[in-house]
Each structure stands twice: as C-alpha cells, then as structure tokens.
C-alpha cells in the first residue's frame, strides 16, 4: 500500500494504488490518494451537472500539477496528472475530465 497515509480499506484504494505505480514515489501516491479520497472524490460524487464535475476534476488536476510546497512534496507533469485522472476515472467508473 502506498506509504503511511490514513486511507480507507475500500477495494478501490488498493486497485488505484496499484494502477498508479507509474508515480514511483509511494509517499506521493499515498498523498494523492489521501487528498483525492478526502476532498475531490466527495465533490465528484456530489456533482449534479457537467460543470460541477469539471470543476472538481480541474481542481484536482491543478493540485497535482502545482509546484511543490512544504506539505505537498511532489509536482506531476501535465501528462502524468492526466494519467492519474484517467486511472481514477477508470477504477471508480467516474465521469471523465475533459480539460487536461
């Protein structure tokens, strides 16, 4: 399992962690899944229209690609951020993001 993050025991977390192995840093994968599960997935599940779906994915995309900070110790390329989103879309059968 990706790093030490306090992630749920839901099956999708393990499947997503495995599918995201192209992000080689286990700590980065753990943080990505932790933030996605706690913040972006609830927003996607609550989305009632295409604009709300786009906003949630767009916010996550920007989180993934913004520069490193003291608390966010990684920054993904545009291509890798798109791969993360496509992977999570597939694993969780979520509506796609059309902005990356």
N, C-alpha and C. Protein backbone atom coordinates (compact mmCIF):
# COMPACT_ATOMS: atom_id res chain seq x y z
N UNK A 1 0.85 -1.18 0.00
CA UNK A 1 0.00 0.00 0.00
C UNK A 1 0.88 1.24 0.00
N UNK A 2 0.40 2.26 -0.63
CA UNK A 2 1.16 3.49 -0.77
C UNK A 2 1.41 4.15 0.58
N UNK A 3 2.60 4.08 1.03
CA UNK A 3 3.10 4.86 2.13
C UNK A 3 2.35 4.67 3.44
N UNK A 4 2.30 5.74 4.20
CA UNK A 4 1.78 5.71 5.56
C UNK A 4 0.48 6.47 5.72
N UNK A 5 -0.14 6.88 4.65
CA UNK A 5 -1.33 7.72 4.73
C UNK A 5 -2.51 6.95 5.29
N UNK A 6 -3.37 7.64 6.01
CA UNK A 6 -4.54 7.03 6.63
C UNK A 6 -5.66 6.92 5.61
N UNK A 7 -5.55 5.89 4.76
CA UNK A 7 -6.53 5.68 3.70
C UNK A 7 -7.53 4.62 4.14
N UNK A 8 -8.72 4.68 3.56
CA UNK A 8 -9.74 3.69 3.89
C UNK A 8 -9.34 2.32 3.37
N UNK A 9 -10.07 1.33 3.81
CA UNK A 9 -9.81 -0.05 3.39
C UNK A 9 -10.62 -0.45 2.17
N UNK A 10 -11.25 0.52 1.52
CA UNK A 10 -12.06 0.20 0.36
C UNK A 10 -11.19 -0.39 -0.75
N UNK A 11 -11.77 -1.31 -1.49
CA UNK A 11 -11.03 -2.01 -2.54
C UNK A 11 -10.46 -1.08 -3.59
N UNK A 12 -11.17 0.01 -3.90
CA UNK A 12 -10.71 0.89 -4.96
C UNK A 12 -9.36 1.52 -4.60
N UNK A 13 -9.11 1.73 -3.31
CA UNK A 13 -7.84 2.36 -2.90
C UNK A 13 -6.67 1.46 -3.29
N UNK A 14 -6.79 0.18 -3.01
CA UNK A 14 -5.72 -0.75 -3.36
C UNK A 14 -5.57 -0.86 -4.88
N UNK A 15 -6.69 -0.93 -5.59
CA UNK A 15 -6.64 -1.01 -7.06
C UNK A 15 -6.03 0.26 -7.65
N UNK A 16 -6.40 1.42 -7.10
CA UNK A 16 -5.85 2.68 -7.60
C UNK A 16 -4.36 2.78 -7.30
N UNK A 17 -3.96 2.37 -6.10
CA UNK A 17 -2.54 2.40 -5.74
C UNK A 17 -1.73 1.56 -6.71
N UNK A 18 -2.23 0.38 -7.03
CA UNK A 18 -1.54 -0.50 -7.97
C UNK A 18 -1.49 0.13 -9.37
N UNK A 19 -2.60 0.71 -9.81
CA UNK A 19 -2.67 1.30 -11.15
C UNK A 19 -1.82 2.56 -11.28
N UNK A 20 -1.56 3.21 -10.16
CA UNK A 20 -0.78 4.46 -10.17
C UNK A 20 0.71 4.22 -9.93
N UNK A 21 1.18 3.01 -10.09
CA UNK A 21 2.60 2.69 -9.85
C UNK A 21 3.55 3.50 -10.74
N UNK A 22 3.04 4.09 -11.82
CA UNK A 22 3.91 4.94 -12.64
C UNK A 22 4.36 6.17 -11.86
N UNK A 23 3.62 6.54 -10.80
CA UNK A 23 4.11 7.55 -9.86
C UNK A 23 4.97 6.76 -8.88
N UNK A 24 6.26 6.78 -9.10
CA UNK A 24 7.17 5.87 -8.42
C UNK A 24 7.30 6.11 -6.92
N UNK A 25 7.12 7.32 -6.48
CA UNK A 25 7.26 7.65 -5.06
C UNK A 25 5.99 7.21 -4.31
N UNK A 26 6.13 6.20 -3.45
CA UNK A 26 4.98 5.68 -2.70
C UNK A 26 4.36 6.75 -1.80
N UNK A 27 5.19 7.63 -1.25
CA UNK A 27 4.65 8.72 -0.42
C UNK A 27 3.79 9.66 -1.25
N UNK A 28 4.23 9.97 -2.46
CA UNK A 28 3.44 10.83 -3.34
C UNK A 28 2.13 10.16 -3.71
N UNK A 29 2.18 8.87 -4.06
CA UNK A 29 0.94 8.13 -4.37
C UNK A 29 -0.01 8.15 -3.18
N UNK A 30 0.54 7.93 -2.00
CA UNK A 30 -0.28 7.94 -0.80
C UNK A 30 -0.95 9.28 -0.58
N UNK A 31 -0.20 10.36 -0.75
CA UNK A 31 -0.76 11.69 -0.57
C UNK A 31 -1.81 11.99 -1.64
N UNK A 32 -1.55 11.59 -2.88
CA UNK A 32 -2.52 11.77 -3.96
C UNK A 32 -3.83 11.07 -3.61
N UNK A 33 -3.75 9.82 -3.20
CA UNK A 33 -4.97 9.07 -2.87
C UNK A 33 -5.65 9.61 -1.62
N UNK A 34 -4.87 10.03 -0.65
CA UNK A 34 -5.41 10.60 0.58
C UNK A 34 -6.22 11.86 0.28
N UNK A 35 -5.62 12.77 -0.48
CA UNK A 35 -6.32 14.02 -0.83
C UNK A 35 -7.51 13.76 -1.74
N UNK A 36 -7.35 12.84 -2.70
CA UNK A 36 -8.45 12.53 -3.60
C UNK A 36 -9.63 11.96 -2.82
N UNK A 37 -9.36 11.00 -1.96
CA UNK A 37 -10.43 10.35 -1.20
C UNK A 37 -11.13 11.34 -0.26
N UNK A 38 -10.37 12.21 0.37
CA UNK A 38 -10.94 13.12 1.35
C UNK A 38 -11.58 14.37 0.80
N UNK A 39 -11.12 14.84 -0.35
CA UNK A 39 -11.57 16.13 -0.85
C UNK A 39 -12.23 16.04 -2.22
N UNK A 40 -11.59 15.43 -3.17
CA UNK A 40 -12.06 15.51 -4.55
C UNK A 40 -13.12 14.45 -4.88
N UNK A 41 -12.98 13.25 -4.35
CA UNK A 41 -13.98 12.22 -4.60
C UNK A 41 -15.34 12.62 -4.04
N UNK A 42 -15.43 13.15 -2.81
CA UNK A 42 -16.74 13.59 -2.34
C UNK A 42 -17.35 14.67 -3.24
N UNK A 43 -16.53 15.58 -3.74
CA UNK A 43 -17.04 16.62 -4.64
C UNK A 43 -17.57 16.02 -5.94
N UNK A 44 -16.85 15.02 -6.46
CA UNK A 44 -17.31 14.36 -7.69
C UNK A 44 -18.60 13.59 -7.46
N UNK A 45 -18.72 12.96 -6.32
CA UNK A 45 -19.94 12.20 -6.02
C UNK A 45 -21.14 13.10 -5.78
N UNK A 46 -20.89 14.32 -5.30
CA UNK A 46 -21.98 15.27 -5.06
C UNK A 46 -22.33 16.08 -6.30
N UNK A 47 -21.49 16.04 -7.32
CA UNK A 47 -21.70 16.84 -8.53
C UNK A 47 -23.05 16.49 -9.17
N UNK A 48 -23.80 17.52 -9.54
CA UNK A 48 -25.13 17.33 -10.12
C UNK A 48 -25.20 17.65 -11.61
N UNK A 49 -24.11 18.21 -12.13
CA UNK A 49 -24.10 18.53 -13.56
C UNK A 49 -22.66 18.51 -14.07
N UNK A 50 -22.53 18.62 -15.38
CA UNK A 50 -21.21 18.51 -16.02
C UNK A 50 -20.25 19.60 -15.54
N UNK A 51 -20.76 20.79 -15.28
CA UNK A 51 -19.90 21.88 -14.83
C UNK A 51 -19.30 21.58 -13.46
N UNK A 52 -20.09 21.02 -12.55
CA UNK A 52 -19.58 20.67 -11.23
C UNK A 52 -18.55 19.54 -11.31
N UNK A 53 -18.79 18.58 -12.19
CA UNK A 53 -17.81 17.51 -12.42
C UNK A 53 -16.51 18.10 -12.93
N UNK A 54 -16.61 18.98 -13.92
CA UNK A 54 -15.42 19.61 -14.49
C UNK A 54 -14.65 20.39 -13.42
N UNK A 55 -15.36 21.15 -12.59
CA UNK A 55 -14.69 21.94 -11.56
C UNK A 55 -13.94 21.06 -10.57
N UNK A 56 -14.54 19.94 -10.17
CA UNK A 56 -13.88 19.04 -9.22
C UNK A 56 -12.62 18.44 -9.84
N UNK A 57 -12.74 17.93 -11.08
CA UNK A 57 -11.56 17.36 -11.74
C UNK A 57 -10.51 18.43 -12.00
N UNK A 58 -10.93 19.63 -12.39
CA UNK A 58 -9.99 20.70 -12.68
C UNK A 58 -9.21 21.10 -11.42
N UNK A 59 -9.90 21.16 -10.29
CA UNK A 59 -9.22 21.48 -9.03
C UNK A 59 -8.19 20.40 -8.69
N UNK A 60 -8.56 19.14 -8.89
CA UNK A 60 -7.64 18.05 -8.63
C UNK A 60 -6.45 18.09 -9.58
N UNK A 61 -6.71 18.35 -10.84
CA UNK A 61 -5.64 18.48 -11.84
C UNK A 61 -4.65 19.56 -11.42
N UNK A 62 -5.16 20.70 -11.00
CA UNK A 62 -4.27 21.78 -10.58
C UNK A 62 -3.50 21.41 -9.32
N UNK A 63 -4.15 20.71 -8.41
CA UNK A 63 -3.44 20.24 -7.21
C UNK A 63 -2.26 19.36 -7.62
N UNK A 64 -2.49 18.46 -8.55
CA UNK A 64 -1.44 17.53 -8.97
C UNK A 64 -0.27 18.23 -9.66
N UNK A 65 -0.55 19.29 -10.41
CA UNK A 65 0.49 19.92 -11.24
C UNK A 65 1.13 21.16 -10.62
N UNK A 66 0.54 21.70 -9.58
CA UNK A 66 1.15 22.88 -8.96
C UNK A 66 2.49 22.51 -8.33
N UNK A 67 3.32 23.51 -8.17
CA UNK A 67 4.67 23.29 -7.65
C UNK A 67 4.66 22.66 -6.27
N UNK A 68 5.79 22.11 -5.91
CA UNK A 68 5.95 21.51 -4.59
C UNK A 68 5.88 22.57 -3.52
N UNK A 69 5.39 22.17 -2.35
CA UNK A 69 5.38 23.04 -1.18
C UNK A 69 5.89 22.23 0.00
N UNK A 70 5.91 22.84 1.15
CA UNK A 70 6.35 22.14 2.35
C UNK A 70 5.44 20.94 2.64
N UNK A 71 4.13 21.08 2.40
CA UNK A 71 3.19 20.00 2.69
C UNK A 71 2.88 19.12 1.47
N UNK A 72 3.15 19.62 0.29
CA UNK A 72 2.93 18.84 -0.94
C UNK A 72 4.29 18.70 -1.61
N UNK A 73 4.91 17.58 -1.41
CA UNK A 73 6.31 17.37 -1.76
C UNK A 73 6.51 16.80 -3.15
N UNK A 74 5.54 16.95 -4.02
CA UNK A 74 5.65 16.45 -5.39
C UNK A 74 4.94 17.41 -6.33
N UNK A 75 5.25 17.29 -7.60
CA UNK A 75 4.55 18.01 -8.66
C UNK A 75 4.59 17.12 -9.89
N UNK A 76 3.42 16.82 -10.44
CA UNK A 76 3.35 15.95 -11.61
C UNK A 76 3.35 16.77 -12.90
N UNK A 77 3.84 16.16 -13.93
CA UNK A 77 3.76 16.78 -15.26
C UNK A 77 2.30 16.77 -15.70
N UNK A 78 1.98 17.57 -16.71
CA UNK A 78 0.63 17.58 -17.25
C UNK A 78 0.22 16.18 -17.70
N UNK A 79 1.14 15.49 -18.35
CA UNK A 79 0.86 14.14 -18.85
C UNK A 79 0.57 13.17 -17.71
N UNK A 80 1.40 13.19 -16.66
CA UNK A 80 1.18 12.28 -15.54
C UNK A 80 -0.10 12.63 -14.77
N UNK A 81 -0.41 13.91 -14.64
CA UNK A 81 -1.66 14.30 -13.98
C UNK A 81 -2.85 13.77 -14.76
N UNK A 82 -2.79 13.86 -16.08
CA UNK A 82 -3.85 13.31 -16.93
C UNK A 82 -3.97 11.81 -16.76
N UNK A 83 -2.84 11.14 -16.63
CA UNK A 83 -2.85 9.68 -16.41
C UNK A 83 -3.46 9.33 -15.06
N UNK A 84 -3.15 10.10 -14.03
CA UNK A 84 -3.74 9.86 -12.71
C UNK A 84 -5.26 10.00 -12.79
N UNK A 85 -5.71 11.07 -13.42
CA UNK A 85 -7.15 11.30 -13.53
C UNK A 85 -7.82 10.21 -14.36
N UNK A 86 -7.22 9.84 -15.48
CA UNK A 86 -7.78 8.77 -16.31
C UNK A 86 -7.84 7.46 -15.54
N UNK A 87 -6.82 7.18 -14.76
CA UNK A 87 -6.78 5.95 -13.96
C UNK A 87 -7.88 5.94 -12.92
N UNK A 88 -8.02 7.04 -12.19
CA UNK A 88 -9.06 7.10 -11.16
C UNK A 88 -10.45 7.08 -11.77
N UNK A 89 -10.61 7.71 -12.92
CA UNK A 89 -11.89 7.67 -13.63
C UNK A 89 -12.25 6.23 -13.96
N UNK A 90 -11.27 5.49 -14.43
CA UNK A 90 -11.50 4.10 -14.82
C UNK A 90 -11.75 3.21 -13.61
N UNK A 91 -10.92 3.31 -12.58
CA UNK A 91 -11.04 2.46 -11.40
C UNK A 91 -12.37 2.68 -10.69
N UNK A 92 -12.81 3.92 -10.62
CA UNK A 92 -14.03 4.26 -9.88
C UNK A 92 -15.25 4.47 -10.77
N UNK A 93 -15.09 4.29 -12.07
CA UNK A 93 -16.18 4.49 -13.01
C UNK A 93 -16.83 5.86 -12.82
N UNK A 94 -15.97 6.90 -12.85
CA UNK A 94 -16.41 8.27 -12.66
C UNK A 94 -16.55 8.97 -14.01
N UNK A 95 -17.31 10.06 -14.04
CA UNK A 95 -17.39 10.83 -15.28
C UNK A 95 -16.01 11.38 -15.65
N UNK A 96 -15.68 11.42 -16.93
CA UNK A 96 -14.34 11.85 -17.35
C UNK A 96 -14.11 13.35 -17.19
N UNK A 97 -12.83 13.69 -17.17
CA UNK A 97 -12.39 15.09 -17.15
C UNK A 97 -11.98 15.45 -18.56
N UNK A 98 -12.54 16.49 -19.09
CA UNK A 98 -12.26 16.85 -20.47
C UNK A 98 -11.36 18.07 -20.61
N UNK A 99 -10.57 18.37 -19.56
CA UNK A 99 -9.78 19.59 -19.62
C UNK A 99 -8.28 19.40 -19.60
N UNK A 100 -7.82 18.21 -19.34
CA UNK A 100 -6.37 18.03 -19.20
C UNK A 100 -5.67 17.94 -20.54
